[in-house]
Amino acid sequence: TFRDEILDAARIDGASELMIFRTIILPNSIPALATLAILTFKAQWDNLLWPLLVVQSEEMKTIPLYIVKFMGEKHTDEGAMMAVAAIASIPILIVFFKLSKYFLGGAALYSSRKG
């Protein structure tokens, strides 16, 4: 939520509702949107149940389905499973590091406010 004083001051200065949204609300919401993007991407990237139920063809399988293939009834190939899991984490790390400047900038902005 935003303080009413900030929004009222923008209205007094002659800003329209669209300008208030574009210049005040949206820039201050970027850290929350970056966090939402990171968590949504990670949740979909790690999703196992839905592709397990829906995907039938081999070329449409996701990385978690390939990781499960290394688990057998009597023997599990932990080394190969961990190697695939490490490679699968690379896109998540890329998304995190690309969006972390927005996330960390917003955390610093909100932690230094007074009042």
N, C-alpha and C. Protein backbone atom coordinates (compact mmCIF):
# COMPACT_ATOMS: atom_id res chain seq x y z
N THR A 1 0.84 -1.18 0.00
CA THR A 1 0.00 0.00 0.00
C THR A 1 0.88 1.24 0.00
N PHE A 2 0.34 2.28 -0.53
CA PHE A 2 1.06 3.54 -0.61
C PHE A 2 0.38 4.56 0.28
N ARG A 3 1.17 5.44 0.82
CA ARG A 3 0.61 6.48 1.67
C ARG A 3 -0.28 7.40 0.84
N ASP A 4 -1.37 7.77 1.43
CA ASP A 4 -2.30 8.67 0.74
C ASP A 4 -1.67 10.03 0.48
N GLU A 5 -0.74 10.44 1.35
CA GLU A 5 -0.10 11.75 1.17
C GLU A 5 0.69 11.80 -0.13
N ILE A 6 1.35 10.71 -0.47
CA ILE A 6 2.15 10.68 -1.70
C ILE A 6 1.24 10.76 -2.92
N LEU A 7 0.17 9.98 -2.90
CA LEU A 7 -0.75 9.99 -4.04
C LEU A 7 -1.49 11.33 -4.14
N ASP A 8 -1.88 11.89 -3.00
CA ASP A 8 -2.55 13.19 -3.01
C ASP A 8 -1.62 14.29 -3.50
N ALA A 9 -0.35 14.23 -3.12
CA ALA A 9 0.61 15.22 -3.58
C ALA A 9 0.79 15.14 -5.10
N ALA A 10 0.78 13.94 -5.64
CA ALA A 10 0.88 13.79 -7.09
C ALA A 10 -0.36 14.34 -7.78
N ARG A 11 -1.53 14.12 -7.18
CA ARG A 11 -2.76 14.66 -7.77
C ARG A 11 -2.77 16.19 -7.73
N ILE A 12 -2.29 16.76 -6.62
CA ILE A 12 -2.22 18.22 -6.51
C ILE A 12 -1.27 18.79 -7.55
N ASP A 13 -0.19 18.06 -7.85
CA ASP A 13 0.77 18.50 -8.87
C ASP A 13 0.22 18.34 -10.27
N GLY A 14 -0.97 17.76 -10.42
CA GLY A 14 -1.61 17.66 -11.72
C GLY A 14 -1.42 16.33 -12.42
N ALA A 15 -0.97 15.33 -11.70
CA ALA A 15 -0.76 14.01 -12.32
C ALA A 15 -2.09 13.28 -12.47
N SER A 16 -2.26 12.65 -13.62
CA SER A 16 -3.45 11.84 -13.84
C SER A 16 -3.27 10.49 -13.13
N GLU A 17 -4.33 9.71 -13.08
CA GLU A 17 -4.25 8.40 -12.43
C GLU A 17 -3.26 7.49 -13.15
N LEU A 18 -3.23 7.59 -14.49
CA LEU A 18 -2.28 6.79 -15.26
C LEU A 18 -0.85 7.22 -14.96
N MET A 19 -0.62 8.51 -14.85
CA MET A 19 0.73 9.00 -14.55
C MET A 19 1.14 8.59 -13.13
N ILE A 20 0.21 8.62 -12.20
CA ILE A 20 0.51 8.17 -10.83
C ILE A 20 0.90 6.70 -10.85
N PHE A 21 0.15 5.93 -11.61
CA PHE A 21 0.47 4.50 -11.71
C PHE A 21 1.84 4.29 -12.33
N ARG A 22 2.12 5.00 -13.44
CA ARG A 22 3.38 4.82 -14.16
C ARG A 22 4.59 5.35 -13.40
N THR A 23 4.45 6.44 -12.68
CA THR A 23 5.62 7.07 -12.06
C THR A 23 5.80 6.76 -10.58
N ILE A 24 4.75 6.35 -9.90
CA ILE A 24 4.87 6.09 -8.46
C ILE A 24 4.62 4.63 -8.12
N ILE A 25 3.48 4.12 -8.51
CA ILE A 25 3.08 2.78 -8.08
C ILE A 25 3.91 1.70 -8.75
N LEU A 26 4.04 1.76 -10.07
CA LEU A 26 4.77 0.71 -10.79
C LEU A 26 6.25 0.64 -10.41
N PRO A 27 6.99 1.75 -10.36
CA PRO A 27 8.40 1.64 -9.96
C PRO A 27 8.59 1.11 -8.54
N ASN A 28 7.68 1.44 -7.65
CA ASN A 28 7.79 0.93 -6.28
C ASN A 28 7.32 -0.51 -6.15
N SER A 29 6.62 -1.01 -7.16
CA SER A 29 6.16 -2.40 -7.14
C SER A 29 7.13 -3.36 -7.81
N ILE A 30 8.17 -2.86 -8.44
CA ILE A 30 9.11 -3.71 -9.17
C ILE A 30 9.75 -4.77 -8.28
N PRO A 31 10.18 -4.46 -7.04
CA PRO A 31 10.74 -5.54 -6.21
C PRO A 31 9.76 -6.67 -5.95
N ALA A 32 8.50 -6.34 -5.71
CA ALA A 32 7.50 -7.39 -5.49
C ALA A 32 7.25 -8.19 -6.76
N LEU A 33 7.22 -7.51 -7.90
CA LEU A 33 7.02 -8.21 -9.17
C LEU A 33 8.21 -9.09 -9.52
N ALA A 34 9.43 -8.64 -9.19
CA ALA A 34 10.62 -9.46 -9.44
C ALA A 34 10.60 -10.70 -8.56
N THR A 35 10.21 -10.54 -7.30
CA THR A 35 10.10 -11.69 -6.41
C THR A 35 9.05 -12.67 -6.91
N LEU A 36 7.93 -12.15 -7.34
CA LEU A 36 6.87 -12.99 -7.89
C LEU A 36 7.34 -13.74 -9.13
N ALA A 37 8.09 -13.07 -9.99
CA ALA A 37 8.60 -13.72 -11.20
C ALA A 37 9.57 -14.84 -10.86
N ILE A 38 10.46 -14.60 -9.89
CA ILE A 38 11.43 -15.63 -9.49
C ILE A 38 10.71 -16.84 -8.92
N LEU A 39 9.78 -16.62 -8.01
CA LEU A 39 9.10 -17.74 -7.36
C LEU A 39 8.19 -18.50 -8.32
N THR A 40 7.53 -17.78 -9.23
CA THR A 40 6.66 -18.44 -10.21
C THR A 40 7.48 -19.28 -11.18
N PHE A 41 8.60 -18.72 -11.66
CA PHE A 41 9.46 -19.47 -12.57
C PHE A 41 10.00 -20.72 -11.89
N LYS A 42 10.43 -20.59 -10.64
CA LYS A 42 10.97 -21.75 -9.92
C LYS A 42 9.91 -22.81 -9.71
N ALA A 43 8.71 -22.40 -9.35
CA ALA A 43 7.63 -23.37 -9.12
C ALA A 43 7.29 -24.13 -10.39
N GLN A 44 7.25 -23.44 -11.51
CA GLN A 44 6.93 -24.12 -12.77
C GLN A 44 8.10 -24.95 -13.27
N TRP A 45 9.32 -24.50 -13.02
CA TRP A 45 10.50 -25.24 -13.47
C TRP A 45 10.64 -26.55 -12.71
N ASP A 46 10.30 -26.53 -11.43
CA ASP A 46 10.44 -27.73 -10.59
C ASP A 46 9.19 -28.59 -10.58
N ASN A 47 8.18 -28.23 -11.32
CA ASN A 47 6.92 -28.95 -11.30
C ASN A 47 7.11 -30.39 -11.78
N LEU A 48 6.68 -31.35 -10.99
CA LEU A 48 6.82 -32.76 -11.35
C LEU A 48 5.46 -33.41 -11.58
N LEU A 49 4.49 -33.14 -10.75
CA LEU A 49 3.23 -33.87 -10.79
C LEU A 49 2.45 -33.66 -12.08
N TRP A 50 2.28 -32.40 -12.49
CA TRP A 50 1.48 -32.14 -13.69
C TRP A 50 2.11 -32.75 -14.94
N PRO A 51 3.39 -32.55 -15.22
CA PRO A 51 3.97 -33.21 -16.40
C PRO A 51 3.95 -34.74 -16.28
N LEU A 52 4.06 -35.27 -15.08
CA LEU A 52 4.01 -36.72 -14.89
C LEU A 52 2.65 -37.27 -15.31
N LEU A 53 1.60 -36.51 -15.04
CA LEU A 53 0.25 -36.95 -15.40
C LEU A 53 -0.10 -36.71 -16.86
N VAL A 54 0.43 -35.64 -17.45
CA VAL A 54 -0.03 -35.20 -18.76
C VAL A 54 0.89 -35.62 -19.90
N VAL A 55 2.19 -35.51 -19.71
CA VAL A 55 3.13 -35.70 -20.82
C VAL A 55 3.29 -37.18 -21.13
N GLN A 56 3.11 -37.52 -22.40
CA GLN A 56 3.26 -38.90 -22.85
C GLN A 56 4.47 -39.09 -23.76
N SER A 57 4.76 -38.12 -24.61
CA SER A 57 5.84 -38.28 -25.57
C SER A 57 7.20 -37.99 -24.93
N GLU A 58 8.21 -38.66 -25.41
CA GLU A 58 9.55 -38.54 -24.83
C GLU A 58 10.15 -37.15 -25.05
N GLU A 59 9.88 -36.53 -26.19
CA GLU A 59 10.48 -35.23 -26.47
C GLU A 59 9.82 -34.09 -25.71
N MET A 60 8.68 -34.31 -25.08
CA MET A 60 8.00 -33.27 -24.32
C MET A 60 8.27 -33.36 -22.82
N LYS A 61 9.03 -34.35 -22.38
CA LYS A 61 9.28 -34.52 -20.95
C LYS A 61 10.14 -33.38 -20.41
N THR A 62 9.85 -33.03 -19.16
CA THR A 62 10.59 -31.95 -18.50
C THR A 62 11.76 -32.53 -17.72
N ILE A 63 12.63 -31.66 -17.24
CA ILE A 63 13.83 -32.10 -16.53
C ILE A 63 13.50 -32.90 -15.27
N PRO A 64 12.52 -32.49 -14.44
CA PRO A 64 12.20 -33.32 -13.27
C PRO A 64 11.79 -34.75 -13.64
N LEU A 65 11.14 -34.93 -14.78
CA LEU A 65 10.78 -36.28 -15.21
C LEU A 65 12.03 -37.10 -15.56
N TYR A 66 13.03 -36.46 -16.13
CA TYR A 66 14.27 -37.17 -16.41
C TYR A 66 15.03 -37.50 -15.13
N ILE A 67 14.95 -36.64 -14.14
CA ILE A 67 15.60 -36.93 -12.86
C ILE A 67 14.96 -38.14 -12.20
N VAL A 68 13.64 -38.26 -12.29
CA VAL A 68 12.93 -39.39 -11.70
C VAL A 68 13.33 -40.70 -12.38
N LYS A 69 13.69 -40.63 -13.67
CA LYS A 69 14.08 -41.85 -14.39
C LYS A 69 15.32 -42.51 -13.78
N PHE A 70 16.14 -41.75 -13.06
CA PHE A 70 17.34 -42.31 -12.44
C PHE A 70 17.03 -43.08 -11.16
N MET A 71 15.80 -43.02 -10.70
CA MET A 71 15.41 -43.72 -9.48
C MET A 71 14.77 -45.05 -9.85
N GLY A 72 15.35 -46.13 -9.38
CA GLY A 72 14.81 -47.45 -9.64
C GLY A 72 14.28 -48.07 -8.37
N GLU A 73 13.73 -49.28 -8.49
CA GLU A 73 13.21 -49.96 -7.30
C GLU A 73 14.33 -50.43 -6.39
N LYS A 74 15.39 -50.98 -6.99
CA LYS A 74 16.46 -51.56 -6.19
C LYS A 74 17.73 -50.72 -6.20
N HIS A 75 17.90 -49.90 -7.19
CA HIS A 75 19.14 -49.13 -7.29
C HIS A 75 18.82 -47.73 -7.83
N THR A 76 19.44 -46.73 -7.21
CA THR A 76 19.30 -45.35 -7.65
C THR A 76 20.67 -44.82 -8.01
N ASP A 77 20.80 -44.25 -9.19
CA ASP A 77 22.06 -43.68 -9.63
C ASP A 77 22.14 -42.24 -9.12
N GLU A 78 22.64 -42.09 -7.88
CA GLU A 78 22.66 -40.78 -7.24
C GLU A 78 23.57 -39.80 -7.97
N GLY A 79 24.69 -40.28 -8.47
CA GLY A 79 25.63 -39.39 -9.15
C GLY A 79 25.02 -38.75 -10.38
N ALA A 80 24.40 -39.56 -11.22
CA ALA A 80 23.77 -39.03 -12.43
C ALA A 80 22.58 -38.15 -12.08
N MET A 81 21.84 -38.53 -11.05
CA MET A 81 20.68 -37.74 -10.64
C MET A 81 21.13 -36.36 -10.14
N MET A 82 22.19 -36.30 -9.37
CA MET A 82 22.69 -35.02 -8.87
C MET A 82 23.30 -34.18 -10.00
N ALA A 83 23.93 -34.84 -10.97
CA ALA A 83 24.49 -34.09 -12.10
C ALA A 83 23.39 -33.43 -12.91
N VAL A 84 22.31 -34.16 -13.17
CA VAL A 84 21.19 -33.58 -13.92
C VAL A 84 20.52 -32.48 -13.09
N ALA A 85 20.40 -32.68 -11.79
CA ALA A 85 19.79 -31.66 -10.93
C ALA A 85 20.65 -30.39 -10.90
N ALA A 86 21.97 -30.55 -10.89
CA ALA A 86 22.84 -29.38 -10.90
C ALA A 86 22.71 -28.61 -12.22
N ILE A 87 22.65 -29.33 -13.32
CA ILE A 87 22.47 -28.68 -14.62
C ILE A 87 21.09 -28.03 -14.71
N ALA A 88 20.09 -28.67 -14.13
CA ALA A 88 18.73 -28.13 -14.17
C ALA A 88 18.60 -26.85 -13.35
N SER A 89 19.49 -26.63 -12.39
CA SER A 89 19.40 -25.42 -11.56
C SER A 89 19.99 -24.20 -12.25
N ILE A 90 20.70 -24.37 -13.35
CA ILE A 90 21.34 -23.24 -14.02
C ILE A 90 20.33 -22.20 -14.51
N PRO A 91 19.23 -22.58 -15.19
CA PRO A 91 18.27 -21.54 -15.61
C PRO A 91 17.64 -20.78 -14.44
N ILE A 92 17.41 -21.45 -13.33
CA ILE A 92 16.85 -20.78 -12.16
C ILE A 92 17.84 -19.75 -11.63
N LEU A 93 19.11 -20.12 -11.59
CA LEU A 93 20.13 -19.18 -11.13
C LEU A 93 20.25 -17.98 -12.07
N ILE A 94 20.15 -18.22 -13.36
CA ILE A 94 20.21 -17.12 -14.32
C ILE A 94 19.06 -16.15 -14.10
N VAL A 95 17.85 -16.67 -13.94
CA VAL A 95 16.69 -15.80 -13.70
C VAL A 95 16.86 -15.05 -12.39
N PHE A 96 17.35 -15.72 -11.36
CA PHE A 96 17.53 -15.06 -10.07
C PHE A 96 18.54 -13.92 -10.18
N PHE A 97 19.69 -14.18 -10.81
CA PHE A 97 20.71 -13.13 -10.89
C PHE A 97 20.30 -11.98 -11.81
N LYS A 98 19.50 -12.26 -12.82
CA LYS A 98 19.00 -11.18 -13.68
C LYS A 98 18.01 -10.29 -12.94
N LEU A 99 17.18 -10.88 -12.09
CA LEU A 99 16.15 -10.11 -11.38
C LEU A 99 16.57 -9.67 -9.98
N SER A 100 17.72 -10.14 -9.50
CA SER A 100 18.11 -9.83 -8.13
C SER A 100 18.41 -8.35 -7.92
N LYS A 101 18.85 -7.64 -8.97
CA LYS A 101 19.11 -6.21 -8.78
C LYS A 101 17.83 -5.45 -8.44
N TYR A 102 16.71 -5.87 -9.01
CA TYR A 102 15.44 -5.23 -8.68
C TYR A 102 14.99 -5.63 -7.28
N PHE A 103 15.17 -6.88 -6.95
CA PHE A 103 14.76 -7.38 -5.64
C PHE A 103 15.58 -6.74 -4.53
N LEU A 104 16.91 -6.75 -4.68
CA LEU A 104 17.78 -6.20 -3.65
C LEU A 104 17.68 -4.68 -3.57
N GLY A 105 17.47 -4.02 -4.70
CA GLY A 105 17.29 -2.58 -4.69
C GLY A 105 16.04 -2.18 -3.93
N GLY A 106 14.98 -2.93 -4.11
CA GLY A 106 13.74 -2.65 -3.39
C GLY A 106 13.87 -2.94 -1.91
N ALA A 107 14.60 -3.98 -1.56
CA ALA A 107 14.81 -4.29 -0.15
C ALA A 107 15.59 -3.18 0.52
N ALA A 108 16.59 -2.65 -0.15
CA ALA A 108 17.37 -1.55 0.41
C ALA A 108 16.53 -0.28 0.51
N LEU A 109 15.69 -0.04 -0.48
CA LEU A 109 14.84 1.14 -0.48
C LEU A 109 13.86 1.12 0.68
N TYR A 110 13.20 -0.01 0.90
CA TYR A 110 12.19 -0.09 1.94
C TYR A 110 12.80 -0.21 3.33
N SER A 111 14.01 -0.71 3.44
CA SER A 111 14.61 -0.83 4.77
C SER A 111 15.15 0.51 5.27
N SER A 112 15.39 1.45 4.36
CA SER A 112 15.97 2.72 4.79
C SER A 112 14.93 3.82 4.99
N ARG A 113 13.66 3.53 4.77
CA ARG A 113 12.61 4.54 4.95
C ARG A 113 12.36 4.79 6.43
N LYS A 114 11.98 6.00 6.71
CA LYS A 114 11.64 6.36 8.09
C LYS A 114 10.15 6.64 8.17
N GLY A 115 9.61 6.38 9.34
CA GLY A 115 8.24 6.77 9.59
C GLY A 115 7.29 5.80 9.15
